[in-house]
Amino acid sequence: MKKLLLMLLPLLFINCSSDDKDITPNQNSLVGSWKALKSEAIIEGNNLSNETKQLINNQMDPDIGYTYITFYSNGTGVGEDLRENSVENFTYTVQGNILSIVYAGDIDEDDSIITFKINGNQLFINDTSPSVLKNYQKLFPDAGLTKTDYLATYERM
């Protein structure tokens, strides 16, 4: 029995690699404050000009002003946009790598389709919510927008 234990012991150390930086998504891994590093839009449309595409990307660019988001362990949070000098409270839930955020006063509660991944101290968010598309279709009705996915990278503070 002692020999078997000694033979298996090295296997425990081989399988416990510290190279794995991906964190299994869950509510606890989100808890904390995050600062926006970059964002971009994946935009498609039937009549989409390069100028309109650039305008949409400029609206989503956190380099114009810093955006912060904080997730609390009780399922609430706050987002701060310094560009617009605004603060929004929200509630959130996590199921696997799906993040659902409902902002206070938001009527599209079951509209969010947000996936996330955490790698080291970075949070990657991909928002494919229909409300994002609807928002930009209203802002740019002549572009014939068919897709507006929002990708954002945050760093833990």
Protein backbone atom coordinates (compact mmCIF):
# COMPACT_ATOMS: atom_id res chain seq x y z
CA MET A 1 0.00 0.00 0.00
CA LYS A 2 2.86 2.37 0.84
CA LYS A 3 4.49 1.63 -2.54
CA LEU A 4 1.23 2.38 -4.37
CA LEU A 5 0.89 5.68 -2.54
CA LEU A 6 4.49 6.65 -3.38
CA MET A 7 3.89 5.76 -7.04
CA LEU A 8 0.73 7.90 -7.24
CA LEU A 9 2.16 10.90 -5.39
CA PRO A 10 4.13 12.26 -8.40
CA LEU A 11 0.98 12.08 -10.52
CA LEU A 12 -0.76 14.48 -8.16
CA PHE A 13 1.92 17.10 -8.78
CA ILE A 14 1.94 16.57 -12.54
CA ASN A 15 -1.82 17.13 -12.77
CA CYS A 16 -1.77 20.27 -10.61
CA SER A 17 -0.27 22.61 -13.16
CA SER A 18 -0.06 26.31 -12.34
CA ASP A 19 -0.14 27.18 -16.06
CA ASP A 20 -3.93 27.08 -16.14
CA LYS A 21 -5.07 30.69 -15.84
CA ASP A 22 -8.67 30.32 -17.00
CA ILE A 23 -11.05 30.57 -14.08
CA THR A 24 -14.24 28.55 -14.21
CA PRO A 25 -16.98 31.15 -14.62
CA ASN A 26 -19.26 31.56 -11.60
CA GLN A 27 -20.71 34.35 -9.53
CA ASN A 28 -17.82 34.34 -7.04
CA SER A 29 -15.23 34.82 -9.79
CA LEU A 30 -17.02 38.01 -10.91
CA VAL A 31 -17.23 39.61 -7.46
CA GLY A 32 -15.08 42.73 -7.29
CA SER A 33 -14.39 45.89 -9.27
CA TRP A 34 -13.30 45.92 -12.89
CA LYS A 35 -11.92 48.70 -15.11
CA ALA A 36 -12.62 48.71 -18.86
CA LEU A 37 -9.51 48.26 -20.98
CA LYS A 38 -10.98 48.05 -24.47
CA SER A 39 -14.13 47.31 -26.34
CA GLU A 40 -15.22 46.82 -29.89
CA ALA A 41 -18.30 46.12 -31.89
CA ILE A 42 -18.71 43.38 -34.44
CA ILE A 43 -21.07 45.13 -36.80
CA GLU A 44 -22.87 43.87 -39.87
CA GLY A 45 -25.48 45.60 -42.00
CA ASN A 46 -27.04 45.67 -45.43
CA ASN A 47 -26.17 49.33 -46.04
CA LEU A 48 -23.36 49.86 -43.53
CA SER A 49 -20.80 52.51 -44.44
CA ASN A 50 -17.30 52.62 -42.98
CA GLU A 51 -18.20 55.99 -41.45
CA THR A 52 -21.21 54.55 -39.58
CA LYS A 53 -19.17 51.56 -38.45
CA GLN A 54 -16.51 53.93 -37.07
CA LEU A 55 -19.16 56.03 -35.29
CA ILE A 56 -20.52 52.94 -33.52
CA ASN A 57 -17.03 51.80 -32.53
CA ASN A 58 -16.24 55.29 -31.20
CA GLN A 59 -19.36 55.20 -29.00
CA MET A 60 -18.21 51.94 -27.43
CA ASP A 61 -14.57 52.97 -26.93
CA PRO A 62 -13.72 53.25 -23.21
CA ASP A 63 -10.51 55.14 -24.03
CA ILE A 64 -12.67 58.25 -24.41
CA GLY A 65 -13.56 57.93 -20.72
CA TYR A 66 -13.03 55.15 -18.22
CA THR A 67 -15.84 52.76 -17.40
CA TYR A 68 -15.92 50.78 -14.18
CA ILE A 69 -18.18 47.92 -13.13
CA THR A 70 -18.49 46.34 -9.69
CA PHE A 71 -20.16 43.02 -8.90
CA TYR A 72 -21.17 42.41 -5.28
CA SER A 73 -21.61 38.94 -3.77
CA ASN A 74 -25.34 39.54 -3.13
CA GLY A 75 -26.16 39.60 -6.86
CA THR A 76 -26.20 43.38 -7.22
CA GLY A 77 -23.74 45.71 -8.83
CA VAL A 78 -23.03 49.17 -10.14
CA GLY A 79 -21.68 50.45 -13.44
CA GLU A 80 -20.00 53.85 -13.77
CA ASP A 81 -19.51 55.60 -17.09
CA LEU A 82 -17.28 58.65 -16.76
CA ARG A 83 -17.96 59.70 -20.36
CA GLU A 84 -21.61 60.28 -19.58
CA ASN A 85 -21.06 61.01 -15.88
CA SER A 86 -23.59 58.29 -15.05
CA VAL A 87 -23.94 55.52 -12.50
CA GLU A 88 -26.35 52.61 -12.97
CA ASN A 89 -27.36 50.01 -10.43
CA PHE A 90 -28.16 46.50 -11.57
CA THR A 91 -28.86 42.96 -10.45
CA TYR A 92 -27.16 39.97 -12.00
CA THR A 93 -27.23 36.19 -12.12
CA VAL A 94 -24.73 33.68 -13.45
CA GLN A 95 -25.42 30.27 -14.98
CA GLY A 96 -22.25 28.67 -16.27
CA ASN A 97 -20.62 31.28 -18.50
CA ILE A 98 -23.91 33.16 -19.08
CA LEU A 99 -24.22 36.49 -17.29
CA SER A 100 -27.64 38.13 -17.03
CA ILE A 101 -27.68 41.79 -16.04
CA VAL A 102 -30.85 43.77 -15.39
CA TYR A 103 -30.36 47.50 -14.89
CA ALA A 104 -32.71 49.36 -12.54
CA GLY A 105 -35.77 50.43 -14.51
CA ASP A 106 -34.90 48.18 -17.48
CA ILE A 107 -37.99 46.66 -19.09
CA ASP A 108 -36.11 44.13 -21.27
CA GLU A 109 -35.31 41.84 -18.34
CA ASP A 110 -34.95 38.58 -20.27
CA ASP A 111 -33.22 40.13 -23.26
CA SER A 112 -29.60 39.80 -22.18
CA ILE A 113 -27.38 37.24 -23.85
CA ILE A 114 -23.97 37.89 -22.32
CA THR A 115 -21.20 35.32 -22.12
CA PHE A 116 -18.07 35.87 -20.08
CA LYS A 117 -14.67 34.36 -19.41
CA ILE A 118 -12.07 35.22 -16.80
CA ASN A 119 -8.40 34.66 -17.51
CA GLY A 120 -6.02 35.76 -14.76
CA ASN A 121 -7.04 39.29 -13.80
CA GLN A 122 -8.99 39.96 -17.01
CA LEU A 123 -12.72 39.64 -17.66
CA PHE A 124 -13.88 39.14 -21.25
CA ILE A 125 -17.53 39.91 -22.03
CA ASN A 126 -19.40 39.17 -25.27
CA ASP A 127 -22.83 40.80 -25.40
CA THR A 128 -25.03 39.52 -28.23
CA SER A 129 -28.25 40.85 -26.67
CA PRO A 130 -31.00 41.81 -29.10
CA SER A 131 -31.40 45.12 -27.20
CA VAL A 132 -27.90 46.19 -28.32
CA LEU A 133 -28.89 45.62 -31.95
CA LYS A 134 -32.22 47.43 -31.44
CA ASN A 135 -30.44 50.39 -29.84
CA TYR A 136 -28.08 50.85 -32.78
CA GLN A 137 -30.85 50.23 -35.33
CA LYS A 138 -32.66 53.22 -33.78
CA LEU A 139 -29.52 55.37 -33.81
CA PHE A 140 -28.55 54.43 -37.39
CA PRO A 141 -31.79 53.45 -39.19
CA ASP A 142 -30.32 53.81 -42.70
CA ALA A 143 -27.49 51.33 -42.05
CA GLY A 144 -29.72 48.23 -42.19
CA LEU A 145 -27.93 46.77 -39.17
CA THR A 146 -28.29 43.00 -38.75
CA LYS A 147 -25.67 42.33 -36.07
CA THR A 148 -24.02 44.35 -33.31
CA ASP A 149 -22.10 42.21 -30.88
CA TYR A 150 -20.27 44.05 -28.11
CA LEU A 151 -16.94 42.69 -26.93
CA ALA A 152 -15.28 44.18 -23.86
CA THR A 153 -12.18 43.46 -21.83
CA TYR A 154 -11.94 44.52 -18.18
CA GLU A 155 -9.10 44.34 -15.68
CA ARG A 156 -9.63 43.53 -12.01
CA MET A 157 -8.87 46.52 -9.81
